[in-house]
Amino acid sequence: GDLIADLTEDLAAEQKARVTYDNILRLSDDPDVNDVIKFLRAREIVHFQRFGEGLRLAKDKMNEKNLYFVNPSFDK
């Protein structure tokens, strides 16, 4: 696939999962369940941060003047 599209999609998936865990925490009053959900939620946040860093690094390596961050070798 496309690196930028893939990383952007990964970021969106992590955010969707985090929101799902937030919603579960709003509904749950079981401390054992909440502990597991909090761990999973924290993991999604870390994944989001790492994918964001990867996206930033990928964009830095590409042609920054190109709005869509297309691989410059395709434009030759």
N, C-alpha and C. Protein backbone atom coordinates (compact mmCIF):
# COMPACT_ATOMS: atom_id res chain seq x y z
N GLY A 1 0.78 -1.18 0.00
CA GLY A 1 0.00 0.00 0.00
C GLY A 1 0.83 1.26 0.00
N ASP A 2 0.20 2.29 0.39
CA ASP A 2 0.78 3.62 0.47
C ASP A 2 1.12 3.92 1.93
N LEU A 3 2.35 4.28 2.21
CA LEU A 3 2.81 4.48 3.57
C LEU A 3 1.97 5.51 4.33
N ILE A 4 1.73 6.65 3.70
CA ILE A 4 0.97 7.72 4.37
C ILE A 4 -0.47 7.27 4.64
N ALA A 5 -1.09 6.66 3.64
CA ALA A 5 -2.46 6.18 3.82
C ALA A 5 -2.53 5.11 4.91
N ASP A 6 -1.57 4.20 4.89
CA ASP A 6 -1.57 3.13 5.88
C ASP A 6 -1.40 3.65 7.30
N LEU A 7 -0.45 4.55 7.49
CA LEU A 7 -0.23 5.10 8.83
C LEU A 7 -1.42 5.94 9.30
N THR A 8 -2.02 6.69 8.39
CA THR A 8 -3.20 7.48 8.75
C THR A 8 -4.35 6.56 9.15
N GLU A 9 -4.50 5.47 8.42
CA GLU A 9 -5.53 4.49 8.75
C GLU A 9 -5.25 3.84 10.11
N ASP A 10 -3.98 3.55 10.39
CA ASP A 10 -3.61 2.98 11.69
C ASP A 10 -3.92 3.95 12.82
N LEU A 11 -3.65 5.23 12.61
CA LEU A 11 -3.97 6.25 13.62
C LEU A 11 -5.47 6.26 13.90
N ALA A 12 -6.26 6.22 12.85
CA ALA A 12 -7.72 6.24 13.01
C ALA A 12 -8.21 5.00 13.77
N ALA A 13 -7.64 3.85 13.47
CA ALA A 13 -8.05 2.62 14.15
C ALA A 13 -7.73 2.69 15.64
N GLU A 14 -6.58 3.23 15.98
CA GLU A 14 -6.22 3.36 17.40
C GLU A 14 -7.17 4.31 18.12
N GLN A 15 -7.54 5.39 17.47
CA GLN A 15 -8.48 6.34 18.09
C GLN A 15 -9.85 5.70 18.28
N LYS A 16 -10.30 4.95 17.29
CA LYS A 16 -11.61 4.27 17.41
C LYS A 16 -11.59 3.29 18.57
N ALA A 17 -10.51 2.54 18.71
CA ALA A 17 -10.41 1.59 19.82
C ALA A 17 -10.40 2.31 21.16
N ARG A 18 -9.66 3.43 21.24
CA ARG A 18 -9.62 4.18 22.50
C ARG A 18 -11.00 4.68 22.89
N VAL A 19 -11.75 5.19 21.93
CA VAL A 19 -13.10 5.68 22.21
C VAL A 19 -13.99 4.53 22.68
N THR A 20 -13.83 3.37 22.07
CA THR A 20 -14.60 2.21 22.51
C THR A 20 -14.29 1.87 23.96
N TYR A 21 -13.01 1.89 24.32
CA TYR A 21 -12.64 1.60 25.70
C TYR A 21 -13.16 2.68 26.65
N ASP A 22 -13.14 3.93 26.21
CA ASP A 22 -13.73 5.00 27.03
C ASP A 22 -15.20 4.73 27.30
N ASN A 23 -15.91 4.31 26.27
CA ASN A 23 -17.35 4.03 26.42
C ASN A 23 -17.58 2.85 27.37
N ILE A 24 -16.75 1.82 27.27
CA ILE A 24 -16.88 0.68 28.18
C ILE A 24 -16.65 1.13 29.62
N LEU A 25 -15.64 1.96 29.83
CA LEU A 25 -15.37 2.44 31.18
C LEU A 25 -16.52 3.26 31.75
N ARG A 26 -17.22 3.97 30.89
CA ARG A 26 -18.39 4.75 31.36
C ARG A 26 -19.51 3.84 31.84
N LEU A 27 -19.59 2.64 31.24
CA LEU A 27 -20.70 1.73 31.55
C LEU A 27 -20.37 0.72 32.64
N SER A 28 -19.11 0.44 32.83
CA SER A 28 -18.71 -0.64 33.73
C SER A 28 -18.49 -0.13 35.16
N ASP A 29 -18.93 -0.95 36.12
CA ASP A 29 -18.63 -0.64 37.52
C ASP A 29 -17.85 -1.79 38.17
N ASP A 30 -17.35 -2.71 37.35
CA ASP A 30 -16.57 -3.85 37.83
C ASP A 30 -15.08 -3.48 37.82
N PRO A 31 -14.45 -3.40 38.98
CA PRO A 31 -13.04 -2.99 39.06
C PRO A 31 -12.10 -3.91 38.27
N ASP A 32 -12.38 -5.20 38.24
CA ASP A 32 -11.53 -6.14 37.51
C ASP A 32 -11.61 -5.89 36.00
N VAL A 33 -12.80 -5.66 35.52
CA VAL A 33 -12.99 -5.34 34.09
C VAL A 33 -12.33 -4.00 33.79
N ASN A 34 -12.55 -3.02 34.65
CA ASN A 34 -12.01 -1.68 34.43
C ASN A 34 -10.49 -1.68 34.36
N ASP A 35 -9.85 -2.49 35.21
CA ASP A 35 -8.38 -2.55 35.18
C ASP A 35 -7.88 -3.04 33.82
N VAL A 36 -8.50 -4.06 33.28
CA VAL A 36 -8.10 -4.59 31.97
C VAL A 36 -8.37 -3.56 30.88
N ILE A 37 -9.53 -2.94 30.92
CA ILE A 37 -9.89 -1.94 29.90
C ILE A 37 -8.95 -0.74 29.98
N LYS A 38 -8.59 -0.32 31.17
CA LYS A 38 -7.64 0.80 31.31
C LYS A 38 -6.28 0.45 30.72
N PHE A 39 -5.84 -0.80 30.93
CA PHE A 39 -4.58 -1.23 30.32
C PHE A 39 -4.68 -1.19 28.80
N LEU A 40 -5.76 -1.74 28.25
CA LEU A 40 -5.94 -1.75 26.80
C LEU A 40 -6.03 -0.33 26.24
N ARG A 41 -6.72 0.53 26.96
CA ARG A 41 -6.84 1.93 26.54
C ARG A 41 -5.47 2.61 26.50
N ALA A 42 -4.67 2.39 27.54
CA ALA A 42 -3.33 2.97 27.59
C ALA A 42 -2.47 2.45 26.43
N ARG A 43 -2.64 1.19 26.11
CA ARG A 43 -1.88 0.60 24.99
C ARG A 43 -2.26 1.27 23.67
N GLU A 44 -3.54 1.54 23.48
CA GLU A 44 -4.00 2.22 22.26
C GLU A 44 -3.39 3.61 22.16
N ILE A 45 -3.28 4.30 23.28
CA ILE A 45 -2.71 5.64 23.29
C ILE A 45 -1.24 5.59 22.87
N VAL A 46 -0.51 4.61 23.41
CA VAL A 46 0.91 4.47 23.03
C VAL A 46 1.04 4.13 21.55
N HIS A 47 0.20 3.22 21.07
CA HIS A 47 0.23 2.88 19.64
C HIS A 47 -0.04 4.12 18.79
N PHE A 48 -1.03 4.91 19.18
CA PHE A 48 -1.36 6.13 18.44
C PHE A 48 -0.14 7.05 18.38
N GLN A 49 0.52 7.21 19.51
CA GLN A 49 1.71 8.08 19.55
C GLN A 49 2.81 7.56 18.64
N ARG A 50 3.05 6.25 18.66
CA ARG A 50 4.11 5.68 17.81
C ARG A 50 3.77 5.79 16.34
N PHE A 51 2.51 5.52 15.97
CA PHE A 51 2.11 5.68 14.57
C PHE A 51 2.23 7.14 14.14
N GLY A 52 1.91 8.06 15.05
CA GLY A 52 2.06 9.48 14.75
C GLY A 52 3.51 9.86 14.51
N GLU A 53 4.40 9.30 15.31
CA GLU A 53 5.82 9.55 15.10
C GLU A 53 6.28 8.98 13.77
N GLY A 54 5.80 7.78 13.46
CA GLY A 54 6.15 7.16 12.18
C GLY A 54 5.66 7.98 11.01
N LEU A 55 4.46 8.52 11.12
CA LEU A 55 3.90 9.36 10.06
C LEU A 55 4.74 10.63 9.89
N ARG A 56 5.11 11.24 11.01
CA ARG A 56 5.94 12.45 10.94
C ARG A 56 7.28 12.15 10.28
N LEU A 57 7.91 11.06 10.66
CA LEU A 57 9.20 10.69 10.07
C LEU A 57 9.05 10.39 8.58
N ALA A 58 7.98 9.72 8.21
CA ALA A 58 7.77 9.40 6.79
C ALA A 58 7.59 10.68 5.99
N LYS A 59 6.82 11.62 6.52
CA LYS A 59 6.60 12.88 5.82
C LYS A 59 7.90 13.68 5.70
N ASP A 60 8.72 13.62 6.74
CA ASP A 60 10.00 14.33 6.70
C ASP A 60 10.89 13.80 5.58
N LYS A 61 10.78 12.51 5.29
CA LYS A 61 11.62 11.89 4.26
C LYS A 61 11.09 12.15 2.85
N MET A 62 9.84 12.56 2.75
CA MET A 62 9.23 12.79 1.44
C MET A 62 9.30 14.26 1.07
N ASN A 63 8.83 14.58 -0.07
CA ASN A 63 8.83 15.93 -0.58
C ASN A 63 7.83 16.76 0.23
N GLU A 64 8.33 17.61 1.11
CA GLU A 64 7.46 18.38 2.00
C GLU A 64 6.65 19.45 1.28
N LYS A 65 7.03 19.79 0.07
CA LYS A 65 6.28 20.80 -0.67
C LYS A 65 5.04 20.19 -1.33
N ASN A 66 4.98 18.88 -1.37
CA ASN A 66 3.86 18.21 -2.00
C ASN A 66 2.77 17.99 -0.95
N LEU A 67 1.61 18.58 -1.16
CA LEU A 67 0.52 18.53 -0.20
C LEU A 67 0.14 17.10 0.16
N TYR A 68 0.20 16.19 -0.80
CA TYR A 68 -0.25 14.82 -0.56
C TYR A 68 0.88 13.89 -0.15
N PHE A 69 2.09 14.40 -0.02
CA PHE A 69 3.24 13.61 0.39
C PHE A 69 3.43 12.39 -0.51
N VAL A 70 3.43 12.64 -1.80
CA VAL A 70 3.64 11.59 -2.77
C VAL A 70 5.13 11.30 -2.86
N ASN A 71 5.47 10.06 -3.12
CA ASN A 71 6.86 9.68 -3.30
C ASN A 71 7.43 10.49 -4.45
N PRO A 72 8.45 11.32 -4.21
CA PRO A 72 8.99 12.21 -5.26
C PRO A 72 9.47 11.45 -6.49
N SER A 73 9.87 10.21 -6.34
CA SER A 73 10.36 9.46 -7.51
C SER A 73 9.24 9.22 -8.54
N PHE A 74 7.99 9.27 -8.11
CA PHE A 74 6.87 9.08 -9.04
C PHE A 74 6.65 10.32 -9.91
N ASP A 75 7.14 11.46 -9.47
CA ASP A 75 6.90 12.71 -10.18
C ASP A 75 7.95 13.00 -11.25
N LYS A 76 8.91 12.13 -11.42
CA LYS A 76 9.98 12.35 -12.40
C LYS A 76 9.56 11.92 -13.78
